[in-house]
C-alpha atoms as a PDB file:
ATOM      1  CA  MET A   1     192.261  41.333 108.924  1.00  0.00           C
ATOM      2  CA  LYS A   2     192.913  44.811 110.382  1.00  0.00           C
ATOM      3  CA  LYS A   3     192.539  48.998 110.539  1.00  0.00           C
ATOM      4  CA  ILE A   4     192.070  52.663 112.423  1.00  0.00           C
ATOM      5  CA  LEU A   5     193.037  56.271 113.061  1.00  0.00           C
ATOM      6  CA  GLY A   6     196.525  56.265 114.594  1.00  0.00           C
ATOM      7  CA  ALA A   7     197.993  58.293 117.483  1.00  0.00           C
ATOM      8  CA  ILE A   8     198.795  56.527 120.738  1.00  0.00           C
ATOM      9  CA  ALA A   9     202.330  55.477 121.497  1.00  0.00           C
ATOM     10  CA  LEU A  10     201.565  52.963 124.223  1.00  0.00           C
ATOM     11  CA  VAL A  11     204.751  50.899 124.530  1.00  0.00           C
ATOM     12  CA  GLU A  12     205.142  49.745 128.132  1.00  0.00           C
ATOM     13  CA  ALA A  13     208.560  49.942 129.759  1.00  0.00           C
ATOM     14  CA  MET A  14     208.254  46.426 131.188  1.00  0.00           C
ATOM     15  CA  LEU A  15     209.310  43.954 128.496  1.00  0.00           C
ATOM     16  CA  PHE A  16     208.618  40.253 128.793  1.00  0.00           C
ATOM     17  CA  LEU A  17     211.193  38.664 126.467  1.00  0.00           C
ATOM     18  CA  ALA A  18     210.041  35.708 124.376  1.00  0.00           C
ATOM     19  CA  ASP A  19     211.606  32.276 124.390  1.00  0.00           C
ATOM     20  CA  PRO A  20     213.535  31.246 121.275  1.00  0.00           C
ATOM     21  CA  VAL A  21     211.225  30.914 118.314  1.00  0.00           C
ATOM     22  CA  MET A  22     209.941  27.449 117.442  1.00  0.00           C
ATOM     23  CA  ALA A  23     208.479  28.086 114.017  1.00  0.00           C
ATOM     24  CA  THR A  24     205.090  26.621 113.236  1.00  0.00           C
ATOM     25  CA  LEU A  25     203.960  27.647 109.769  1.00  0.00           C
ATOM     26  CA  LEU A  26     200.458  28.879 109.099  1.00  0.00           C
ATOM     27  CA  ASP A  27     199.086  28.017 105.674  1.00  0.00           C
ATOM     28  CA  GLN A  28     197.595  30.778 103.561  1.00  0.00           C
ATOM     29  CA  HIS A  29     194.867  32.673 105.402  1.00  0.00           C
ATOM     30  CA  ALA A  30     194.744  30.315 108.336  1.00  0.00           C
ATOM     31  CA  TYR A  31     193.394  30.794 111.847  1.00  0.00           C
ATOM     32  CA  THR A  32     194.017  29.226 115.218  1.00  0.00           C
ATOM     33  CA  LEU A  33     191.371  30.402 117.657  1.00  0.00           C
ATOM     34  CA  TYR A  34     190.044  29.991 121.142  1.00  0.00           C
ATOM     35  CA  ARG A  35     186.343  30.648 120.564  1.00  0.00           C
ATOM     36  CA  THR A  36     183.327  31.141 122.786  1.00  0.00           C
ATOM     37  CA  SER A  37     180.377  28.876 122.184  1.00  0.00           C
ATOM     38  CA  ALA A  38     177.647  30.500 120.080  1.00  0.00           C
ATOM     39  CA  ASN A  39     175.035  30.318 122.856  1.00  0.00           C
ATOM     40  CA  VAL A  40     177.037  32.439 125.323  1.00  0.00           C
ATOM     41  CA  PRO A  41     175.507  35.925 125.624  1.00  0.00           C
ATOM     42  CA  LEU A  42     177.985  38.753 125.180  1.00  0.00           C
ATOM     43  CA  HIS A  43     178.315  42.469 124.503  1.00  0.00           C
ATOM     44  CA  GLY A  44     182.091  42.606 124.427  1.00  0.00           C
ATOM     45  CA  LEU A  45     185.443  40.921 124.949  1.00  0.00           C
ATOM     46  CA  SER A  46     188.646  41.669 126.824  1.00  0.00           C
ATOM     47  CA  PHE A  47     192.012  39.913 126.727  1.00  0.00           C
ATOM     48  CA  THR A  48     195.607  40.574 127.715  1.00  0.00           C
ATOM     49  CA  SER A  49     198.558  39.683 125.542  1.00  0.00           C
ATOM     50  CA  GLN A  50     202.030  39.020 126.950  1.00  0.00           C
ATOM     51  CA  ASN A  51     205.042  39.218 124.608  1.00  0.00           C
ATOM     52  CA  THR A  52     202.566  41.133 122.453  1.00  0.00           C
ATOM     53  CA  GLY A  53     204.580  41.685 119.292  1.00  0.00           C
ATOM     54  CA  GLU A  54     207.771  39.761 119.894  1.00  0.00           C
ATOM     55  CA  ASP A  55     205.904  36.441 119.472  1.00  0.00           C
ATOM     56  CA  LEU A  56     205.175  37.116 115.815  1.00  0.00           C
ATOM     57  CA  GLN A  57     207.529  36.446 112.899  1.00  0.00           C
ATOM     58  CA  ASN A  58     206.961  37.808 109.391  1.00  0.00           C
ATOM     59  CA  LEU A  59     209.779  39.127 107.236  1.00  0.00           C
ATOM     60  CA  ASN A  60     207.964  39.151 103.903  1.00  0.00           C
ATOM     61  CA  ALA A  61     206.775  42.214 102.021  1.00  0.00           C
ATOM     62  CA  PRO A  62     203.053  43.093 101.783  1.00  0.00           C
ATOM     63  CA  PRO A  63     200.529  41.563 101.443  1.00  0.00           C
ATOM     64  CA  SER A  64     201.944  39.008 103.919  1.00  0.00           C
ATOM     65  CA  PHE A  65     200.957  39.263 107.578  1.00  0.00           C
ATOM     66  CA  ILE A  66     200.442  37.470 110.859  1.00  0.00           C
ATOM     67  CA  THR A  67     198.266  38.762 113.707  1.00  0.00           C
ATOM     68  CA  LYS A  68     197.716  38.055 117.394  1.00  0.00           C
ATOM     69  CA  GLU A  69     194.252  39.413 118.070  1.00  0.00           C
ATOM     70  CA  GLY A  70     190.686  39.287 119.287  1.00  0.00           C
ATOM     71  CA  TRP A  71     187.521  39.279 117.180  1.00  0.00           C
ATOM     72  CA  LEU A  72     183.991  40.289 118.202  1.00  0.00           C
ATOM     73  CA  VAL A  73     181.909  38.490 115.573  1.00  0.00           C
ATOM     74  CA  PHE A  74     178.405  39.606 114.594  1.00  0.00           C
ATOM     75  CA  SER A  75     177.578  37.347 111.670  1.00  0.00           C
ATOM     76  CA  ASP A  76     179.074  34.580 109.544  1.00  0.00           C
ATOM     77  CA  SER A  77     176.881  35.404 106.529  1.00  0.00           C
ATOM     78  CA  ASN A  78     178.228  36.973 103.333  1.00  0.00           C
ATOM     79  CA  GLY A  79     181.858  36.773 104.382  1.00  0.00           C
ATOM     80  CA  GLY A  80     181.180  37.706 107.988  1.00  0.00           C
ATOM     81  CA  GLU A  81     180.898  40.852 110.100  1.00  0.00           C
ATOM     82  CA  TRP A  82     183.286  41.662 112.926  1.00  0.00           C
ATOM     83  CA  ILE A  83     185.405  44.134 114.869  1.00  0.00           C
ATOM     84  CA  GLU A  84     188.987  43.104 115.648  1.00  0.00           C
ATOM     85  CA  THR A  85     192.020  44.501 117.429  1.00  0.00           C
ATOM     86  CA  GLY A  86     195.473  43.310 118.450  1.00  0.00           C
ATOM     87  CA  THR A  87     198.998  43.212 117.041  1.00  0.00           C
ATOM     88  CA  VAL A  88     200.130  42.614 113.463  1.00  0.00           C
ATOM     89  CA  ASN A  89     203.505  41.928 111.890  1.00  0.00           C
ATOM     90  CA  GLY A  90     203.149  42.513 108.144  1.00  0.00           C
ATOM     91  CA  ALA A  91     200.877  44.267 105.661  1.00  0.00           C
ATOM     92  CA  LEU A  92     198.450  46.913 106.976  1.00  0.00           C
ATOM     93  CA  TYR A  93     196.681  50.009 105.665  1.00  0.00           C
ATOM     94  CA  ARG A  94     197.934  53.224 107.268  1.00  0.00           C
ATOM     95  CA  SER A  95     194.446  54.335 108.257  1.00  0.00           C
ATOM     96  CA  PHE A  96     190.743  54.115 107.436  1.00  0.00           C
ATOM     97  CA  THR A  97     191.240  56.845 104.816  1.00  0.00           C
ATOM     98  CA  ASP A  98     194.810  56.170 103.650  1.00  0.00           C
ATOM     99  CA  HIS A  99     194.987  52.725 102.030  1.00  0.00           C
ATOM    100  CA  THR A 100     198.711  52.867 101.472  1.00  0.00           C
ATOM    101  CA  THR A 101     200.049  49.493 102.632  1.00  0.00           C
ATOM    102  CA  ASP A 102     202.929  49.462 105.125  1.00  0.00           C
ATOM    103  CA  HIS A 103     204.816  46.596 106.687  1.00  0.00           C
ATOM    104  CA  TRP A 104     203.558  47.339 110.187  1.00  0.00           C
ATOM    105  CA  ASP A 105     204.739  45.796 113.448  1.00  0.00           C
ATOM    106  CA  GLY A 106     202.402  47.100 116.106  1.00  0.00           C
ATOM    107  CA  PHE A 107     198.766  47.680 117.179  1.00  0.00           C
ATOM    108  CA  TYR A 108     195.856  47.847 114.755  1.00  0.00           C
ATOM    109  CA  VAL A 109     192.047  47.908 114.560  1.00  0.00           C
ATOM    110  CA  ALA A 110     189.778  46.572 111.788  1.00  0.00           C
ATOM    111  CA  ILE A 111     186.083  46.304 110.975  1.00  0.00           C
ATOM    112  CA  ASN A 112     183.957  44.430 108.463  1.00  0.00           C
ATOM    113  CA  GLY A 113     180.245  45.296 108.256  1.00  0.00           C
ATOM    114  CA  CYS A 114     177.321  45.437 105.881  1.00  0.00           C
ATOM    115  CA  ASN A 115     176.403  49.131 106.242  1.00  0.00           C
ATOM    116  CA  GLY A 116     173.155  48.208 107.932  1.00  0.00           C
ATOM    117  CA  VAL A 117     171.542  46.491 104.937  1.00  0.00           C
ATOM    118  CA  THR A 118     169.899  43.116 105.329  1.00  0.00           C
ATOM    119  CA  ALA A 119     172.029  39.997 105.204  1.00  0.00           C
ATOM    120  CA  SER A 120     170.602  39.040 101.810  1.00  0.00           C
ATOM    121  CA  GLN A 121     171.687  42.420 100.385  1.00  0.00           C
ATOM    122  CA  CYS A 122     175.163  42.389 101.889  1.00  0.00           C
ATOM    123  CA  SER A 123     178.045  41.576  99.540  1.00  0.00           C
ATOM    124  CA  TYR A 124     181.419  40.284 100.733  1.00  0.00           C
ATOM    125  CA  GLN A 125     183.426  42.903 102.661  1.00  0.00           C
ATOM    126  CA  ILE A 126     181.058  45.697 101.694  1.00  0.00           C
ATOM    127  CA  ASN A 127     182.615  47.894 104.395  1.00  0.00           C
ATOM    128  CA  TYR A 128     186.044  46.543 105.356  1.00  0.00           C
ATOM    129  CA  ASN A 129     188.529  48.932 106.939  1.00  0.00           C
ATOM    130  CA  GLU A 130     191.781  48.642 108.869  1.00  0.00           C
ATOM    131  CA  GLY A 131     194.499  50.900 110.196  1.00  0.00           C
ATOM    132  CA  GLU A 132     197.557  51.462 112.344  1.00  0.00           C
ATOM    133  CA  VAL A 133     197.449  52.464 116.014  1.00  0.00           C
ATOM    134  CA  GLY A 134     200.309  54.230 117.757  1.00  0.00           C
ATOM    135  CA  SER A 135     203.961  53.342 117.212  1.00  0.00           C
ATOM    136  CA  GLN A 136     205.561  50.272 115.669  1.00  0.00           C
ATOM    137  CA  VAL A 137     207.250  47.360 117.466  1.00  0.00           C
ATOM    138  CA  VAL A 138     204.903  47.058 120.435  1.00  0.00           C
ATOM    139  CA  MET A 139     206.339  44.689 123.031  1.00  0.00           C
ATOM    140  CA  GLY A 140     205.456  43.504 126.523  1.00  0.00           C
ATOM    141  CA  LYS A 141     202.008  43.161 128.124  1.00  0.00           C
ATOM    142  CA  HIS A 142     198.908  44.961 126.801  1.00  0.00           C
ATOM    143  CA  ASN A 143     195.137  44.798 127.227  1.00  0.00           C
ATOM    144  CA  PHE A 144     192.574  44.931 124.392  1.00  0.00           C
ATOM    145  CA  ILE A 145     188.828  45.530 124.760  1.00  0.00           C
ATOM    146  CA  ILE A 146     185.948  45.694 122.262  1.00  0.00           C
ATOM    147  CA  ARG A 147     182.714  46.585 123.998  1.00  0.00           C
ATOM    148  CA  LYS A 148     179.184  47.702 123.251  1.00  0.00           C
ATOM    149  CA  MET A 149     178.677  51.115 124.822  1.00  0.00           C
ATOM    150  CA  THR A 150     176.314  51.375 127.782  1.00  0.00           C
ATOM    151  CA  ASP A 151     174.700  54.656 126.657  1.00  0.00           C
ATOM    152  CA  SER A 152     171.936  52.903 124.642  1.00  0.00           C
ATOM    153  CA  SER A 153     173.457  54.170 121.375  1.00  0.00           C
ATOM    154  CA  GLY A 154     174.148  50.643 120.147  1.00  0.00           C
ATOM    155  CA  ASN A 155     177.680  51.697 119.227  1.00  0.00           C
ATOM    156  CA  TYR A 156     180.925  49.823 119.969  1.00  0.00           C
ATOM    157  CA  GLN A 157     184.170  51.149 121.421  1.00  0.00           C
ATOM    158  CA  VAL A 158     187.704  49.708 121.042  1.00  0.00           C
ATOM    159  CA  TYR A 159     190.187  50.247 123.879  1.00  0.00           C
ATOM    160  CA  ILE A 160     193.901  49.462 124.047  1.00  0.00           C
ATOM    161  CA  ASP A 161     195.432  49.548 127.517  1.00  0.00           C
ATOM    162  CA  TYR A 162     192.066  50.952 128.719  1.00  0.00           C
ATOM    163  CA  MET A 163     192.341  54.045 126.504  1.00  0.00           C
ATOM    164  CA  PRO A 164     189.493  54.608 123.975  1.00  0.00           C
ATOM    165  CA  ILE A 165     190.825  54.288 120.425  1.00  0.00           C
ATOM    166  CA  ILE A 166     187.879  54.338 118.033  1.00  0.00           C
ATOM    167  CA  LYS A 167     184.072  54.104 118.114  1.00  0.00           C
ATOM    168  CA  PHE A 168     182.013  52.150 115.584  1.00  0.00           C
ATOM    169  CA  ASN A 169     178.362  52.729 114.700  1.00  0.00           C
ATOM    170  CA  GLY A 170     176.492  49.561 115.598  1.00  0.00           C
ATOM    171  CA  SER A 171     174.010  50.111 112.769  1.00  0.00           C
ATOM    172  CA  ILE A 172     176.657  48.997 110.267  1.00  0.00           C
ATOM    173  CA  PHE A 173     176.030  45.379 111.296  1.00  0.00           C
ATOM    174  CA  THR A 174     173.065  43.311 110.128  1.00  0.00           C
ATOM    175  CA  VAL A 175     172.518  42.144 113.716  1.00  0.00           C
ATOM    176  CA  PRO A 176     172.842  44.405 116.771  1.00  0.00           C
ATOM    177  CA  ASN A 177     174.639  41.962 119.066  1.00  0.00           C
ATOM    178  CA  PRO A 178     177.671  39.733 118.409  1.00  0.00           C
ATOM    179  CA  ILE A 179     177.320  35.981 118.301  1.00  0.00           C
ATOM    180  CA  ARG A 180     180.742  35.115 119.757  1.00  0.00           C
ATOM    181  CA  ALA A 181     184.238  36.227 120.736  1.00  0.00           C
ATOM    182  CA  ASP A 182     187.489  34.767 119.424  1.00  0.00           C
ATOM    183  CA  ILE A 183     191.136  35.230 120.369  1.00  0.00           C
ATOM    184  CA  GLY A 184     194.130  33.783 118.569  1.00  0.00           C
ATOM    185  CA  PHE A 185     196.215  34.026 115.392  1.00  0.00           C
ATOM    186  CA  GLU A 186     195.522  34.825 111.739  1.00  0.00           C
ATOM    187  CA  SER A 187     197.887  34.538 108.788  1.00  0.00           C
ATOM    188  CA  ASN A 188     197.883  34.690 104.993  1.00  0.00           C
ATOM    189  CA  ASP A 189     201.482  33.596 104.478  1.00  0.00           C
ATOM    190  CA  THR A 190     203.045  30.140 104.742  1.00  0.00           C
ATOM    191  CA  THR A 191     206.280  31.605 106.094  1.00  0.00           C
ATOM    192  CA  ASN A 192     204.677  33.197 109.140  1.00  0.00           C
ATOM    193  CA  SER A 193     205.403  31.732 112.555  1.00  0.00           C
ATOM    194  CA  PHE A 194     204.929  32.482 116.235  1.00  0.00           C
ATOM    195  CA  THR A 195     206.774  31.550 119.395  1.00  0.00           C
ATOM    196  CA  SER A 196     205.664  28.278 120.941  1.00  0.00           C
ATOM    197  CA  GLY A 197     204.013  28.919 124.278  1.00  0.00           C
ATOM    198  CA  THR A 198     202.841  32.434 123.503  1.00  0.00           C
ATOM    199  CA  VAL A 199     200.344  33.633 126.077  1.00  0.00           C
ATOM    200  CA  ILE A 200     196.937  35.329 125.904  1.00  0.00           C
ATOM    201  CA  TYR A 201     195.171  35.519 129.241  1.00  0.00           C
ATOM    202  CA  ASP A 202     192.310  37.153 131.150  1.00  0.00           C
ATOM    203  CA  PHE A 203     189.820  36.331 128.381  1.00  0.00           C
ATOM    204  CA  TRP A 204     186.552  37.938 129.533  1.00  0.00           C
ATOM    205  CA  ILE A 205     183.204  38.606 127.918  1.00  0.00           C
ATOM    206  CA  VAL A 206     180.330  40.947 128.841  1.00  0.00           C
ATOM    207  CA  ASP A 207     177.033  39.389 129.877  1.00  0.00           C
ATOM    208  CA  PRO A 208     174.346  41.738 128.501  1.00  0.00           C
ATOM    209  CA  ASN A 209     171.976  40.554 131.257  1.00  0.00           C
ATOM    210  CA  ASN A 210     174.392  41.675 133.974  1.00  0.00           C
ATOM    211  CA  GLU A 211     175.796  44.989 132.739  1.00  0.00           C
ATOM    212  CA  ASN A 212     174.202  46.974 135.580  1.00  0.00           C
ATOM    213  CA  ASN A 213     176.047  44.998 138.243  1.00  0.00           C
ATOM    214  CA  PRO A 214     178.328  47.669 139.792  1.00  0.00           C
ATOM    215  CA  SER A 215     180.911  45.170 141.001  1.00  0.00           C
ATOM    216  CA  THR A 216     181.518  43.483 137.634  1.00  0.00           C
ATOM    217  CA  ALA A 217     180.028  45.828 134.979  1.00  0.00           C
ATOM    218  CA  GLY A 218     178.787  42.687 133.252  1.00  0.00           C
ATOM    219  CA  TRP A 219     182.230  41.083 132.807  1.00  0.00           C
ATOM    220  CA  TYR A 220     182.888  37.439 133.533  1.00  0.00           C
ATOM    221  CA  PRO A 221     185.818  35.194 132.587  1.00  0.00           C
ATOM    222  CA  VAL A 222     185.563  32.720 129.747  1.00  0.00           C
ATOM    223  CA  THR A 223     185.906  29.194 131.111  1.00  0.00           C
ATOM    224  CA  SER A 224     186.851  25.997 129.328  1.00  0.00           C
ATOM    225  CA  SER A 225     183.200  24.901 129.510  1.00  0.00           C
ATOM    226  CA  MET A 226     182.056  27.823 127.342  1.00  0.00           C
ATOM    227  CA  ALA A 227     184.838  27.874 124.726  1.00  0.00           C
ATOM    228  CA  TYR A 228     186.731  25.581 122.410  1.00  0.00           C
ATOM    229  CA  ILE A 229     189.714  25.475 120.056  1.00  0.00           C
ATOM    230  CA  ASP A 230     188.981  26.014 116.381  1.00  0.00           C
ATOM    231  CA  LYS A 231     191.680  25.402 113.730  1.00  0.00           C
ATOM    232  CA  MET A 232     190.370  26.864 110.481  1.00  0.00           C
ATOM    233  CA  SER A 233     191.142  27.454 106.833  1.00  0.00           C
ATOM    234  CA  ASN A 234     193.940  25.085 105.793  1.00  0.00           C
ATOM    235  CA  TYR A 235     195.824  25.381 109.029  1.00  0.00           C
ATOM    236  CA  ASN A 236     199.178  23.656 108.447  1.00  0.00           C
ATOM    237  CA  GLY A 237     200.372  23.189 112.033  1.00  0.00           C
ATOM    238  CA  ALA A 238     198.636  19.982 113.035  1.00  0.00           C
ATOM    239  CA  ASP A 239     200.315  20.032 116.444  1.00  0.00           C
ATOM    240  CA  ILE A 240     198.754  23.335 117.565  1.00  0.00           C
ATOM    241  CA  LYS A 241     196.973  23.103 120.906  1.00  0.00           C
ATOM    242  CA  VAL A 242     195.684  25.368 123.630  1.00  0.00           C
ATOM    243  CA  GLN A 243     196.499  25.020 127.300  1.00  0.00           C
ATOM    244  CA  TYR A 244     193.732  26.501 129.438  1.00  0.00           C
ATOM    245  CA  PRO A 245     194.292  25.905 133.175  1.00  0.00           C
ATOM    246  CA  TYR A 246     191.255  27.804 134.429  1.00  0.00           C
ATOM    247  CA  ASN A 247     191.023  27.334 138.200  1.00  0.00           C
ATOM    248  CA  ASN A 248     187.297  28.095 138.646  1.00  0.00           C
ATOM    249  CA  GLY A 249     188.196  30.886 141.046  1.00  0.00           C
ATOM    250  CA  THR A 250     185.755  33.558 142.172  1.00  0.00           C
ATOM    251  CA  GLN A 251     184.720  36.189 139.674  1.00  0.00           C
ATOM    252  CA  ILE A 252     186.564  39.485 139.942  1.00  0.00           C
ATOM    253  CA  PRO A 253     185.782  42.921 138.474  1.00  0.00           C
ATOM    254  CA  ALA A 254     186.973  43.908 135.016  1.00  0.00           C
ATOM    255  CA  GLY A 255     190.521  45.179 134.846  1.00  0.00           C
ATOM    256  CA  ALA A 256     191.822  42.994 137.682  1.00  0.00           C
ATOM    257  CA  VAL A 257     195.141  41.359 136.856  1.00  0.00           C
ATOM    258  CA  THR A 258     195.131  37.581 137.051  1.00  0.00           C
ATOM    259  CA  GLN A 259     196.392  34.708 134.974  1.00  0.00           C
ATOM    260  CA  SER A 260     193.976  32.133 136.401  1.00  0.00           C
ATOM    261  CA  ASN A 261     192.429  31.670 132.959  1.00  0.00           C
ATOM    262  CA  LYS A 262     195.661  31.865 130.980  1.00  0.00           C
ATOM    263  CA  ILE A 263     195.516  30.544 127.425  1.00  0.00           C
ATOM    264  CA  THR A 264     198.777  29.266 125.979  1.00  0.00           C
ATOM    265  CA  PHE A 265     199.147  28.602 122.260  1.00  0.00           C
ATOM    266  CA  THR A 266     201.884  26.052 121.755  1.00  0.00           C
ATOM    267  CA  HIS A 267     203.131  23.373 119.379  1.00  0.00           C
ATOM    268  CA  ASN A 268     205.672  20.547 119.228  1.00  0.00           C
END
């Protein structure tokens, strides 16, 4: 789950109000993901969230939380290595250096890495960090990007609404390139819920073999043929499903606004 170095109040004026909540519970530390297949090459992910924070319901004190987020995953070994960003309602460290836990309702960034040691030497969460970004109660439509930098440094940059938020040293991971991208929900509290029909769309990944293409900068949309739903870790909402009406339209450059590959998380 989550972390960063604060300081961007990026609440858009346009608010997309959520439908009435239909509560599906998530069992302790459960995930509902739309996940790229492991054999898809990628150097980054991008997604847009509508009703960003107003979808999420968590009224419990820390350490309870629910997130709506994206993960760039480097390894599943030794507890996993990843970068993540999105929205959280619930427990979160204030910053990478201040581990005071707040009940936060807003943006966040987190990282879990192995400090560059080999996989066999890496212990669980050897370098986990999380932190708040900007102001609380973030609503409306927002874009999130995690991308490997194109300056040959091997580092990774997190953007929210196309503004750079934090840079991570790629050497912290046991492998230099991620194995997949996920978007979805995470929870550690059985009383968490989210609004049925919540939307994440424009799910794109970066093809490392095409990053020099000036018209796309390596981005291409994730299609239903290269991704799948993954309900993990004691997920309690058996009726969860993903609607993915991708229309196989022509590829467009990164940052273009479309909902042709809209992903809708819903339940009965």
